[in-house]
């Protein structure tokens, strides 16, 4: 008996990269306060506070959806652009909600403008990862549908 697996397509590989980038960003700080030269304590938080957990779940779901067709012998019905779009949409909505939530509690107060980029790398990385997943989803629209 021989097993013939289809290769991972370019768009699925791009979605997996986006999922990994988003997953990595979930473990880095999303917000931080304090810790300057006159303060002793620096407070920070990751994606596991509030709605950020949905972004983590979206990254895991993207990786699971990419690997799902390779667990069976025939194509899976869930491996379509609409599934990826639903996951990316939920991730983006939770991401935007968390940014609004963090802005309302003034979690983005920085001493210098450069601190906006260097003190919250997880938030930036998750945004880039979700953008990669969205781009992969857009490219899946042009692919032929497998039966």
C-alpha atoms as a PDB file:
ATOM      1  CA  UNK A   1       0.000   0.000   0.000  1.00  0.00           C
ATOM      2  CA  UNK A   2       1.393   3.383  -0.954  1.00  0.00           C
ATOM      3  CA  UNK A   3       0.289   6.675   0.472  1.00  0.00           C
ATOM      4  CA  UNK A   4       0.266   9.666  -1.785  1.00  0.00           C
ATOM      5  CA  UNK A   5      -0.020  12.935   0.087  1.00  0.00           C
ATOM      6  CA  UNK A   6      -0.595  16.177  -1.679  1.00  0.00           C
ATOM      7  CA  UNK A   7       2.015  18.852  -1.046  1.00  0.00           C
ATOM      8  CA  UNK A   8       1.365  21.813   1.203  1.00  0.00           C
ATOM      9  CA  UNK A   9       0.260  24.684  -0.998  1.00  0.00           C
ATOM     10  CA  UNK A  10       1.766  28.140  -0.900  1.00  0.00           C
ATOM     11  CA  UNK A  11      -1.296  29.684   0.708  1.00  0.00           C
ATOM     12  CA  UNK A  12      -1.512  27.002   3.416  1.00  0.00           C
ATOM     13  CA  UNK A  13       2.169  27.506   4.153  1.00  0.00           C
ATOM     14  CA  UNK A  14       1.590  31.260   4.400  1.00  0.00           C
ATOM     15  CA  UNK A  15      -1.338  30.670   6.765  1.00  0.00           C
ATOM     16  CA  UNK A  16       0.826  28.385   8.915  1.00  0.00           C
ATOM     17  CA  UNK A  17       3.553  31.041   9.072  1.00  0.00           C
ATOM     18  CA  UNK A  18       0.948  33.607  10.089  1.00  0.00           C
ATOM     19  CA  UNK A  19      -0.352  31.259  12.762  1.00  0.00           C
ATOM     20  CA  UNK A  20       3.158  30.707  14.136  1.00  0.00           C
ATOM     21  CA  UNK A  21       3.934  34.434  14.158  1.00  0.00           C
ATOM     22  CA  UNK A  22       0.655  35.148  15.950  1.00  0.00           C
ATOM     23  CA  UNK A  23       1.314  32.336  18.397  1.00  0.00           C
ATOM     24  CA  UNK A  24       4.753  33.726  19.181  1.00  0.00           C
ATOM     25  CA  UNK A  25       3.334  37.208  19.697  1.00  0.00           C
ATOM     26  CA  UNK A  26       0.859  35.887  22.248  1.00  0.00           C
ATOM     27  CA  UNK A  27       3.685  35.080  24.656  1.00  0.00           C
ATOM     28  CA  UNK A  28       5.389  38.491  24.395  1.00  0.00           C
ATOM     29  CA  UNK A  29       4.165  41.627  26.246  1.00  0.00           C
ATOM     30  CA  UNK A  30       1.041  43.291  24.858  1.00  0.00           C
ATOM     31  CA  UNK A  31       1.099  46.195  27.276  1.00  0.00           C
ATOM     32  CA  UNK A  32       3.475  47.603  29.856  1.00  0.00           C
ATOM     33  CA  UNK A  33       3.526  50.394  32.392  1.00  0.00           C
ATOM     34  CA  UNK A  34       6.201  51.786  34.644  1.00  0.00           C
ATOM     35  CA  UNK A  35       9.755  50.581  34.938  1.00  0.00           C
ATOM     36  CA  UNK A  36      11.315  53.937  34.072  1.00  0.00           C
ATOM     37  CA  UNK A  37      14.366  55.399  35.765  1.00  0.00           C
ATOM     38  CA  UNK A  38      12.285  56.796  38.634  1.00  0.00           C
ATOM     39  CA  UNK A  39       9.997  53.769  39.078  1.00  0.00           C
ATOM     40  CA  UNK A  40      10.927  50.360  40.424  1.00  0.00           C
ATOM     41  CA  UNK A  41       8.081  48.185  39.236  1.00  0.00           C
ATOM     42  CA  UNK A  42       7.261  47.430  35.632  1.00  0.00           C
ATOM     43  CA  UNK A  43       3.865  45.894  34.961  1.00  0.00           C
ATOM     44  CA  UNK A  44       3.069  44.098  31.727  1.00  0.00           C
ATOM     45  CA  UNK A  45       0.600  41.631  30.283  1.00  0.00           C
ATOM     46  CA  UNK A  46       0.362  39.156  27.434  1.00  0.00           C
ATOM     47  CA  UNK A  47      -2.433  37.925  25.186  1.00  0.00           C
ATOM     48  CA  UNK A  48      -3.797  35.739  27.957  1.00  0.00           C
ATOM     49  CA  UNK A  49      -5.586  38.681  29.556  1.00  0.00           C
ATOM     50  CA  UNK A  50      -9.079  39.530  28.369  1.00  0.00           C
ATOM     51  CA  UNK A  51     -10.015  38.963  24.732  1.00  0.00           C
ATOM     52  CA  UNK A  52      -6.413  38.314  23.762  1.00  0.00           C
ATOM     53  CA  UNK A  53      -7.039  34.650  24.465  1.00  0.00           C
ATOM     54  CA  UNK A  54      -9.260  34.566  21.361  1.00  0.00           C
ATOM     55  CA  UNK A  55      -6.261  35.688  19.275  1.00  0.00           C
ATOM     56  CA  UNK A  56      -4.297  32.775  20.761  1.00  0.00           C
ATOM     57  CA  UNK A  57      -7.168  30.408  19.928  1.00  0.00           C
ATOM     58  CA  UNK A  58      -7.296  31.772  16.364  1.00  0.00           C
ATOM     59  CA  UNK A  59      -3.585  31.037  15.923  1.00  0.00           C
ATOM     60  CA  UNK A  60      -4.031  27.486  17.217  1.00  0.00           C
ATOM     61  CA  UNK A  61      -7.136  26.977  15.054  1.00  0.00           C
ATOM     62  CA  UNK A  62      -5.254  28.176  11.961  1.00  0.00           C
ATOM     63  CA  UNK A  63      -2.446  25.705  12.567  1.00  0.00           C
ATOM     64  CA  UNK A  64      -4.968  22.922  13.201  1.00  0.00           C
ATOM     65  CA  UNK A  65      -6.850  23.758  10.015  1.00  0.00           C
ATOM     66  CA  UNK A  66      -3.650  23.700   7.972  1.00  0.00           C
ATOM     67  CA  UNK A  67      -2.715  20.241   9.291  1.00  0.00           C
ATOM     68  CA  UNK A  68      -6.228  18.754   9.216  1.00  0.00           C
ATOM     69  CA  UNK A  69      -6.211  17.646   5.539  1.00  0.00           C
ATOM     70  CA  UNK A  70      -2.993  15.709   6.089  1.00  0.00           C
ATOM     71  CA  UNK A  71      -4.556  13.587   8.842  1.00  0.00           C
ATOM     72  CA  UNK A  72      -6.983  11.962   6.388  1.00  0.00           C
ATOM     73  CA  UNK A  73      -6.705  10.279   3.010  1.00  0.00           C
ATOM     74  CA  UNK A  74      -9.070  12.583   1.158  1.00  0.00           C
ATOM     75  CA  UNK A  75      -9.663  16.358   1.211  1.00  0.00           C
ATOM     76  CA  UNK A  76     -11.541  17.772   4.183  1.00  0.00           C
ATOM     77  CA  UNK A  77     -14.594  19.987   3.672  1.00  0.00           C
ATOM     78  CA  UNK A  78     -13.397  22.471   6.325  1.00  0.00           C
ATOM     79  CA  UNK A  79     -10.221  23.225   4.369  1.00  0.00           C
ATOM     80  CA  UNK A  80     -11.662  26.191   2.461  1.00  0.00           C
ATOM     81  CA  UNK A  81     -11.027  29.894   2.317  1.00  0.00           C
ATOM     82  CA  UNK A  82     -14.210  30.596   4.266  1.00  0.00           C
ATOM     83  CA  UNK A  83     -12.931  28.653   7.293  1.00  0.00           C
ATOM     84  CA  UNK A  84      -9.709  30.621   7.279  1.00  0.00           C
ATOM     85  CA  UNK A  85     -11.665  33.854   6.825  1.00  0.00           C
ATOM     86  CA  UNK A  86     -13.853  33.060   9.831  1.00  0.00           C
ATOM     87  CA  UNK A  87     -10.817  32.350  11.999  1.00  0.00           C
ATOM     88  CA  UNK A  88      -8.980  35.461  10.802  1.00  0.00           C
ATOM     89  CA  UNK A  89     -12.080  37.605  11.297  1.00  0.00           C
ATOM     90  CA  UNK A  90     -12.565  36.393  14.861  1.00  0.00           C
ATOM     91  CA  UNK A  91      -8.877  36.985  15.544  1.00  0.00           C
ATOM     92  CA  UNK A  92      -9.033  40.524  14.169  1.00  0.00           C
ATOM     93  CA  UNK A  93     -12.191  41.376  16.113  1.00  0.00           C
ATOM     94  CA  UNK A  94     -10.687  40.138  19.381  1.00  0.00           C
ATOM     95  CA  UNK A  95      -7.427  41.958  18.592  1.00  0.00           C
ATOM     96  CA  UNK A  96      -9.234  45.238  17.944  1.00  0.00           C
ATOM     97  CA  UNK A  97     -11.387  44.836  21.051  1.00  0.00           C
ATOM     98  CA  UNK A  98      -8.292  44.220  23.188  1.00  0.00           C
ATOM     99  CA  UNK A  99      -6.584  47.336  21.801  1.00  0.00           C
ATOM    100  CA  UNK A 100      -9.660  49.438  22.609  1.00  0.00           C
ATOM    101  CA  UNK A 101      -9.804  47.858  26.055  1.00  0.00           C
ATOM    102  CA  UNK A 102      -6.131  48.569  26.729  1.00  0.00           C
ATOM    103  CA  UNK A 103      -6.491  52.135  25.470  1.00  0.00           C
ATOM    104  CA  UNK A 104      -9.399  52.754  27.835  1.00  0.00           C
ATOM    105  CA  UNK A 105      -7.363  51.751  30.880  1.00  0.00           C
ATOM    106  CA  UNK A 106      -4.410  53.833  29.680  1.00  0.00           C
ATOM    107  CA  UNK A 107      -2.063  50.843  29.334  1.00  0.00           C
ATOM    108  CA  UNK A 108      -0.156  52.583  26.528  1.00  0.00           C
ATOM    109  CA  UNK A 109       1.527  55.364  28.482  1.00  0.00           C
ATOM    110  CA  UNK A 110       5.138  55.662  27.407  1.00  0.00           C
ATOM    111  CA  UNK A 111       7.884  58.089  28.358  1.00  0.00           C
ATOM    112  CA  UNK A 112       9.340  58.277  24.851  1.00  0.00           C
ATOM    113  CA  UNK A 113       7.794  57.675  21.410  1.00  0.00           C
ATOM    114  CA  UNK A 114      10.153  54.765  20.685  1.00  0.00           C
ATOM    115  CA  UNK A 115       8.735  52.925  23.692  1.00  0.00           C
ATOM    116  CA  UNK A 116       5.488  52.486  21.746  1.00  0.00           C
ATOM    117  CA  UNK A 117       7.295  50.005  19.527  1.00  0.00           C
ATOM    118  CA  UNK A 118       9.849  48.462  21.872  1.00  0.00           C
ATOM    119  CA  UNK A 119       7.710  47.906  24.989  1.00  0.00           C
ATOM    120  CA  UNK A 120       4.820  46.033  23.361  1.00  0.00           C
ATOM    121  CA  UNK A 121       6.379  43.631  20.820  1.00  0.00           C
ATOM    122  CA  UNK A 122       3.697  40.966  21.290  1.00  0.00           C
ATOM    123  CA  UNK A 123       0.936  43.293  20.182  1.00  0.00           C
ATOM    124  CA  UNK A 124       2.852  44.231  17.048  1.00  0.00           C
ATOM    125  CA  UNK A 125       3.789  40.626  16.287  1.00  0.00           C
ATOM    126  CA  UNK A 126       0.213  39.410  16.664  1.00  0.00           C
ATOM    127  CA  UNK A 127      -0.959  42.165  14.318  1.00  0.00           C
ATOM    128  CA  UNK A 128       1.588  41.101  11.710  1.00  0.00           C
ATOM    129  CA  UNK A 129       0.632  37.433  12.142  1.00  0.00           C
ATOM    130  CA  UNK A 130      -3.066  38.156  11.738  1.00  0.00           C
ATOM    131  CA  UNK A 131      -2.282  40.222   8.625  1.00  0.00           C
ATOM    132  CA  UNK A 132      -0.368  37.248   7.178  1.00  0.00           C
ATOM    133  CA  UNK A 133      -3.315  34.939   7.879  1.00  0.00           C
ATOM    134  CA  UNK A 134      -5.678  37.436   6.233  1.00  0.00           C
ATOM    135  CA  UNK A 135      -3.401  37.674   3.188  1.00  0.00           C
ATOM    136  CA  UNK A 136      -3.257  33.886   2.887  1.00  0.00           C
ATOM    137  CA  UNK A 137      -7.047  33.777   3.077  1.00  0.00           C
ATOM    138  CA  UNK A 138      -7.323  36.364   0.314  1.00  0.00           C
ATOM    139  CA  UNK A 139      -4.975  34.340  -1.889  1.00  0.00           C
ATOM    140  CA  UNK A 140      -7.052  31.200  -1.275  1.00  0.00           C
ATOM    141  CA  UNK A 141      -9.962  32.850  -3.089  1.00  0.00           C
ATOM    142  CA  UNK A 142      -8.198  32.325  -6.411  1.00  0.00           C
ATOM    143  CA  UNK A 143      -7.374  28.662  -5.846  1.00  0.00           C
ATOM    144  CA  UNK A 144      -9.352  25.914  -7.550  1.00  0.00           C
ATOM    145  CA  UNK A 145     -11.593  23.983  -5.191  1.00  0.00           C
ATOM    146  CA  UNK A 146     -10.462  20.418  -4.457  1.00  0.00           C
ATOM    147  CA  UNK A 147     -13.051  17.657  -4.371  1.00  0.00           C
END
